[in-house]
């Protein structure tokens, strides 16, 4: 029998059959109102976990983070389709017949519901000399569903590093120099200046002068500018999860005919 701590730890774990074959994922347990023992377990099965099956849990064990059930995957696959949130007596009777849990009295003591447990105790008390049961305090147990949310790590995208060429225009201002002709007037009595380049004419001036100018010369060179490496980091964020849960309410049903 699973303990209370094992019941809490088993939620969301993987369920396996006696042959080691994976059955599905544990969703929640159905427990006996009087003893608190797990009687049934809801398991999501199928390729994408879209089918929900109810499996006997009285003989289930929990080890290595997994739940081991006493029924095979094929038996679970052909189990009757009942609600995985609430089991009424008819649903339990249908499940007991499917899993072969019927006894001579029609109920397997290991998986019976609360009413069946109390009736069996009363019969045993009258048929055999058993210790007297504790007097009832006329109390009613109220149950409610609790939302348990976990996380799982799944791949979301692949990243690879590629290089590609981007062509863009670059404008650069370059200072350049050029030669220009300038006429300089000198007095007649000034001494003869230095000779100018070029062939001299009869008047003392060269026939032609070659002017020079600078022009930009452009060349492109590929040079390394930076190194890039990949690494991953964990970013934590908050995400809200919304789900519907049900709870039981207790009300007093008054029979008006008897009070008159």
Protein backbone atom coordinates (compact mmCIF):
# COMPACT_ATOMS: atom_id res chain seq x y z
CA UNK A 1 0.00 0.00 0.00
CA UNK A 2 1.33 3.43 -0.91
CA UNK A 3 2.04 5.81 1.95
CA UNK A 4 0.75 9.37 2.04
CA UNK A 5 4.19 10.70 1.09
CA UNK A 6 4.43 8.24 -1.81
CA UNK A 7 0.99 9.28 -3.04
CA UNK A 8 2.10 12.91 -3.27
CA UNK A 9 5.42 12.01 -4.92
CA UNK A 10 3.82 9.67 -7.45
CA UNK A 11 1.69 12.39 -9.08
CA UNK A 12 3.11 13.01 -12.55
CA UNK A 13 5.39 9.96 -12.52
CA UNK A 14 5.38 7.12 -15.04
CA UNK A 15 3.31 4.00 -14.40
CA UNK A 16 4.64 0.58 -15.44
CA UNK A 17 3.01 -2.84 -15.57
CA UNK A 18 4.35 -6.07 -14.00
CA UNK A 19 6.17 -6.89 -17.26
CA UNK A 20 8.03 -3.56 -17.22
CA UNK A 21 5.99 -2.09 -20.07
CA UNK A 22 5.09 1.60 -19.78
CA UNK A 23 1.37 2.15 -19.19
CA UNK A 24 1.11 5.95 -18.92
CA UNK A 25 1.42 8.94 -16.60
CA UNK A 26 -0.10 9.08 -13.12
CA UNK A 27 -2.66 11.89 -12.81
CA UNK A 28 -4.19 11.41 -9.36
CA UNK A 29 -5.38 8.78 -6.87
CA UNK A 30 -8.78 7.84 -5.47
CA UNK A 31 -8.51 7.15 -1.72
CA UNK A 32 -10.78 5.52 0.82
CA UNK A 33 -12.55 8.17 2.91
CA UNK A 34 -12.16 6.12 6.10
CA UNK A 35 -8.66 4.66 5.83
CA UNK A 36 -7.02 7.09 3.41
CA UNK A 37 -5.59 4.16 1.41
CA UNK A 38 -5.33 4.49 -2.35
CA UNK A 39 -7.93 2.33 -4.11
CA UNK A 40 -7.78 3.53 -7.71
CA UNK A 41 -5.39 5.61 -9.79
CA UNK A 42 -6.18 7.69 -12.89
CA UNK A 43 -3.56 7.22 -15.61
CA UNK A 44 -3.27 9.12 -18.91
CA UNK A 45 -2.48 6.69 -21.70
CA UNK A 46 -2.27 6.70 -25.49
CA UNK A 47 0.29 8.21 -27.84
CA UNK A 48 -0.27 11.79 -26.66
CA UNK A 49 -1.80 11.03 -23.25
CA UNK A 50 -5.29 11.90 -24.46
CA UNK A 51 -6.97 8.77 -23.08
CA UNK A 52 -7.64 8.43 -19.37
CA UNK A 53 -7.97 5.06 -17.63
CA UNK A 54 -8.70 4.08 -14.04
CA UNK A 55 -6.49 1.29 -12.66
CA UNK A 56 -6.51 -0.56 -9.29
CA UNK A 57 -3.98 0.98 -6.90
CA UNK A 58 -4.37 -1.15 -3.75
CA UNK A 59 -1.35 -3.27 -4.68
CA UNK A 60 0.64 -0.52 -6.41
CA UNK A 61 4.22 0.21 -5.34
CA UNK A 62 6.43 3.27 -5.76
CA UNK A 63 10.18 2.92 -6.36
CA UNK A 64 12.88 4.77 -8.28
CA UNK A 65 10.43 7.60 -8.98
CA UNK A 66 7.99 5.32 -10.84
CA UNK A 67 4.70 3.60 -9.99
CA UNK A 68 4.41 -0.14 -10.57
CA UNK A 69 0.88 -1.48 -11.10
CA UNK A 70 -0.28 -5.12 -10.93
CA UNK A 71 -2.05 -5.02 -14.32
CA UNK A 72 -0.68 -5.10 -17.87
CA UNK A 73 -0.90 -2.36 -20.46
CA UNK A 74 -3.31 -4.43 -22.60
CA UNK A 75 -5.75 -4.84 -19.71
CA UNK A 76 -5.63 -1.10 -19.03
CA UNK A 77 -6.16 -0.34 -22.72
CA UNK A 78 -9.41 -2.33 -22.78
CA UNK A 79 -10.68 -0.95 -19.44
CA UNK A 80 -14.22 0.49 -19.43
CA UNK A 81 -14.53 4.20 -20.07
CA UNK A 82 -15.48 5.85 -16.77
CA UNK A 83 -14.97 9.31 -15.34
CA UNK A 84 -11.44 9.89 -14.13
CA UNK A 85 -12.63 12.56 -11.67
CA UNK A 86 -15.41 10.85 -9.73
CA UNK A 87 -16.30 7.17 -9.32
CA UNK A 88 -19.78 6.15 -8.27
CA UNK A 89 -20.62 2.59 -7.06
CA UNK A 90 -21.69 1.50 -10.55
CA UNK A 91 -18.37 2.64 -12.03
CA UNK A 92 -16.40 0.78 -9.35
CA UNK A 93 -18.43 -2.38 -9.89
CA UNK A 94 -17.76 -2.15 -13.64
CA UNK A 95 -14.03 -1.70 -13.04
CA UNK A 96 -13.86 -4.57 -10.55
CA UNK A 97 -15.47 -6.93 -13.04
CA UNK A 98 -13.04 -5.86 -15.77
CA UNK A 99 -9.92 -6.30 -13.63
CA UNK A 100 -11.19 -9.56 -12.09
CA UNK A 101 -11.40 -8.18 -8.56
CA UNK A 102 -14.78 -9.73 -7.72
CA UNK A 103 -14.75 -11.99 -4.65
CA UNK A 104 -17.26 -14.47 -3.34
CA UNK A 105 -19.18 -11.62 -1.71
CA UNK A 106 -19.00 -9.56 -4.92
CA UNK A 107 -16.36 -7.05 -3.76
CA UNK A 108 -12.62 -7.10 -3.43
CA UNK A 109 -11.80 -5.79 0.07
CA UNK A 110 -8.66 -4.14 -1.25
CA UNK A 111 -10.50 -1.82 -3.65
CA UNK A 112 -13.94 -1.39 -2.09
CA UNK A 113 -15.37 2.08 -1.52
CA UNK A 114 -16.06 3.66 1.82
CA UNK A 115 -19.59 2.31 2.16
CA UNK A 116 -18.48 -1.23 1.36
CA UNK A 117 -15.74 -1.08 3.97
CA UNK A 118 -18.14 0.01 6.67
CA UNK A 119 -20.70 -2.69 5.78
CA UNK A 120 -18.06 -5.42 5.82
CA UNK A 121 -16.87 -4.34 9.24
CA UNK A 122 -20.39 -4.53 10.61
CA UNK A 123 -20.91 -8.06 9.26
CA UNK A 124 -17.61 -9.28 10.67
CA UNK A 125 -18.49 -7.78 14.04
CA UNK A 126 -21.71 -9.80 14.28
CA UNK A 127 -20.34 -13.04 12.82
CA UNK A 128 -17.10 -13.26 14.82
CA UNK A 129 -15.80 -12.05 18.14
CA UNK A 130 -13.93 -9.04 16.78
CA UNK A 131 -12.92 -5.99 18.81
CA UNK A 132 -15.67 -3.40 19.03
CA UNK A 133 -15.26 -0.58 16.56
CA UNK A 134 -14.82 2.95 17.77
CA UNK A 135 -18.15 4.78 18.08
CA UNK A 136 -18.94 7.03 15.16
CA UNK A 137 -18.77 10.77 15.78
CA UNK A 138 -21.41 11.41 13.10
CA UNK A 139 -18.87 13.43 11.10
CA UNK A 140 -18.69 13.78 7.34
CA UNK A 141 -15.50 14.12 5.37
CA UNK A 142 -15.45 16.89 2.76
CA UNK A 143 -13.03 16.57 -0.13
CA UNK A 144 -11.82 19.02 -2.72
CA UNK A 145 -9.54 18.95 -5.71
CA UNK A 146 -6.16 20.63 -5.47
CA UNK A 147 -4.20 21.91 -8.45
CA UNK A 148 -0.70 20.50 -8.67
CA UNK A 149 1.47 22.13 -11.32
CA UNK A 150 4.89 20.88 -12.36
CA UNK A 151 7.31 21.66 -15.17
CA UNK A 152 8.99 19.59 -17.82
CA UNK A 153 11.92 20.39 -20.06
CA UNK A 154 11.12 20.18 -23.78
CA UNK A 155 13.09 21.27 -26.89
CA UNK A 156 11.64 24.38 -28.52
CA UNK A 157 14.09 25.37 -31.28
CA UNK A 158 17.46 24.61 -32.90
CA UNK A 159 20.18 27.24 -33.33
CA UNK A 160 23.17 27.02 -35.66
CA UNK A 161 25.83 29.62 -36.54
CA UNK A 162 26.10 30.75 -40.19
CA UNK A 163 28.02 33.58 -41.88
CA UNK A 164 26.65 35.66 -44.74
CA UNK A 165 27.92 38.73 -46.63
CA UNK A 166 26.21 42.11 -46.31
CA UNK A 167 27.14 44.78 -48.88
CA UNK A 168 27.00 48.39 -47.75
CA UNK A 169 28.35 51.74 -48.96
CA UNK A 170 31.07 53.49 -46.99
CA UNK A 171 31.96 57.15 -47.55
CA UNK A 172 35.39 58.38 -46.52
CA UNK A 173 36.74 61.97 -46.97
CA UNK A 174 40.33 61.92 -48.27
CA UNK A 175 42.47 65.12 -48.44
CA UNK A 176 44.20 65.47 -51.84
CA UNK A 177 46.60 68.06 -53.32
CA UNK A 178 47.00 69.51 -56.82
CA UNK A 179 49.28 71.99 -58.51
CA UNK A 180 48.00 75.22 -60.07
CA UNK A 181 49.63 77.96 -62.19
CA UNK A 182 50.23 81.28 -60.47
CA UNK A 183 51.68 84.39 -62.03
CA UNK A 184 54.08 86.31 -59.83
CA UNK A 185 55.10 89.85 -60.73
CA UNK A 186 58.62 91.00 -59.75
CA UNK A 187 60.40 94.39 -60.13
CA UNK A 188 62.67 94.89 -63.17
CA UNK A 189 65.70 95.53 -61.06
CA UNK A 190 65.21 92.30 -59.14
CA UNK A 191 67.80 89.67 -59.63
CA UNK A 192 67.08 86.72 -61.82
CA UNK A 193 65.23 84.04 -59.94
CA UNK A 194 65.73 80.34 -60.05
CA UNK A 195 65.05 78.67 -63.30
CA UNK A 196 61.70 76.97 -63.82
CA UNK A 197 61.34 73.45 -65.02
CA UNK A 198 60.76 72.87 -68.71
CA UNK A 199 62.46 74.14 -71.82
CA UNK A 200 63.20 77.91 -71.76
CA UNK A 201 61.94 80.13 -74.56
CA UNK A 202 63.55 83.27 -75.92
CA UNK A 203 61.67 85.31 -73.32
CA UNK A 204 63.07 83.23 -70.44
CA UNK A 205 59.87 81.25 -69.74
CA UNK A 206 59.40 77.53 -70.34
CA UNK A 207 57.20 76.48 -73.22
CA UNK A 208 55.08 74.22 -70.97
CA UNK A 209 54.72 73.29 -67.34
CA UNK A 210 53.41 69.91 -66.14
CA UNK A 211 50.91 70.20 -63.32
CA UNK A 212 50.43 67.33 -60.85
CA UNK A 213 47.41 66.34 -58.73
CA UNK A 214 46.72 63.59 -56.17
CA UNK A 215 43.80 61.19 -56.61
CA UNK A 216 42.29 58.65 -54.22
CA UNK A 217 43.35 55.05 -54.61
CA UNK A 218 40.79 52.57 -53.22
CA UNK A 219 41.51 49.00 -52.17
CA UNK A 220 39.45 46.53 -50.08
CA UNK A 221 41.01 44.17 -47.56
CA UNK A 222 39.23 41.54 -45.43
CA UNK A 223 40.41 41.71 -41.83
CA UNK A 224 39.11 39.86 -38.71
CA UNK A 225 37.11 42.16 -36.44
CA UNK A 226 35.54 39.93 -33.76
CA UNK A 227 35.09 36.36 -32.47
CA UNK A 228 31.68 34.85 -31.73
CA UNK A 229 30.90 31.82 -29.60
CA UNK A 230 27.58 30.25 -28.55
CA UNK A 231 26.44 29.40 -25.05
CA UNK A 232 23.09 28.94 -23.33
CA UNK A 233 21.76 30.65 -20.24
CA UNK A 234 18.66 30.05 -18.15
CA UNK A 235 16.13 32.88 -18.09
CA UNK A 236 13.52 32.66 -15.34
CA UNK A 237 10.03 34.04 -15.84
CA UNK A 238 6.59 33.71 -14.30
CA UNK A 239 3.71 32.06 -16.16
CA UNK A 240 0.14 31.81 -14.92
CA UNK A 241 -1.74 28.53 -15.24
CA UNK A 242 -5.54 28.46 -15.06
CA UNK A 243 -7.46 25.25 -14.41
CA UNK A 244 -10.85 24.33 -12.97
CA UNK A 245 -10.99 22.39 -9.70
CA UNK A 246 -14.02 21.06 -7.88
CA UNK A 247 -14.76 20.88 -4.17
CA UNK A 248 -17.49 19.37 -2.09
CA UNK A 249 -19.80 21.53 -0.03
CA UNK A 250 -21.81 20.31 2.95
CA UNK A 251 -25.42 21.35 3.36
CA UNK A 252 -28.24 20.22 5.64
CA UNK A 253 -31.15 18.60 3.82
CA UNK A 254 -34.29 19.14 5.93
CA UNK A 255 -37.33 16.96 5.33
CA UNK A 256 -40.20 19.46 5.73
CA UNK A 257 -42.91 16.78 6.02
CA UNK A 258 -41.37 15.37 9.21
CA UNK A 259 -40.94 18.74 10.87
CA UNK A 260 -44.61 19.62 10.61
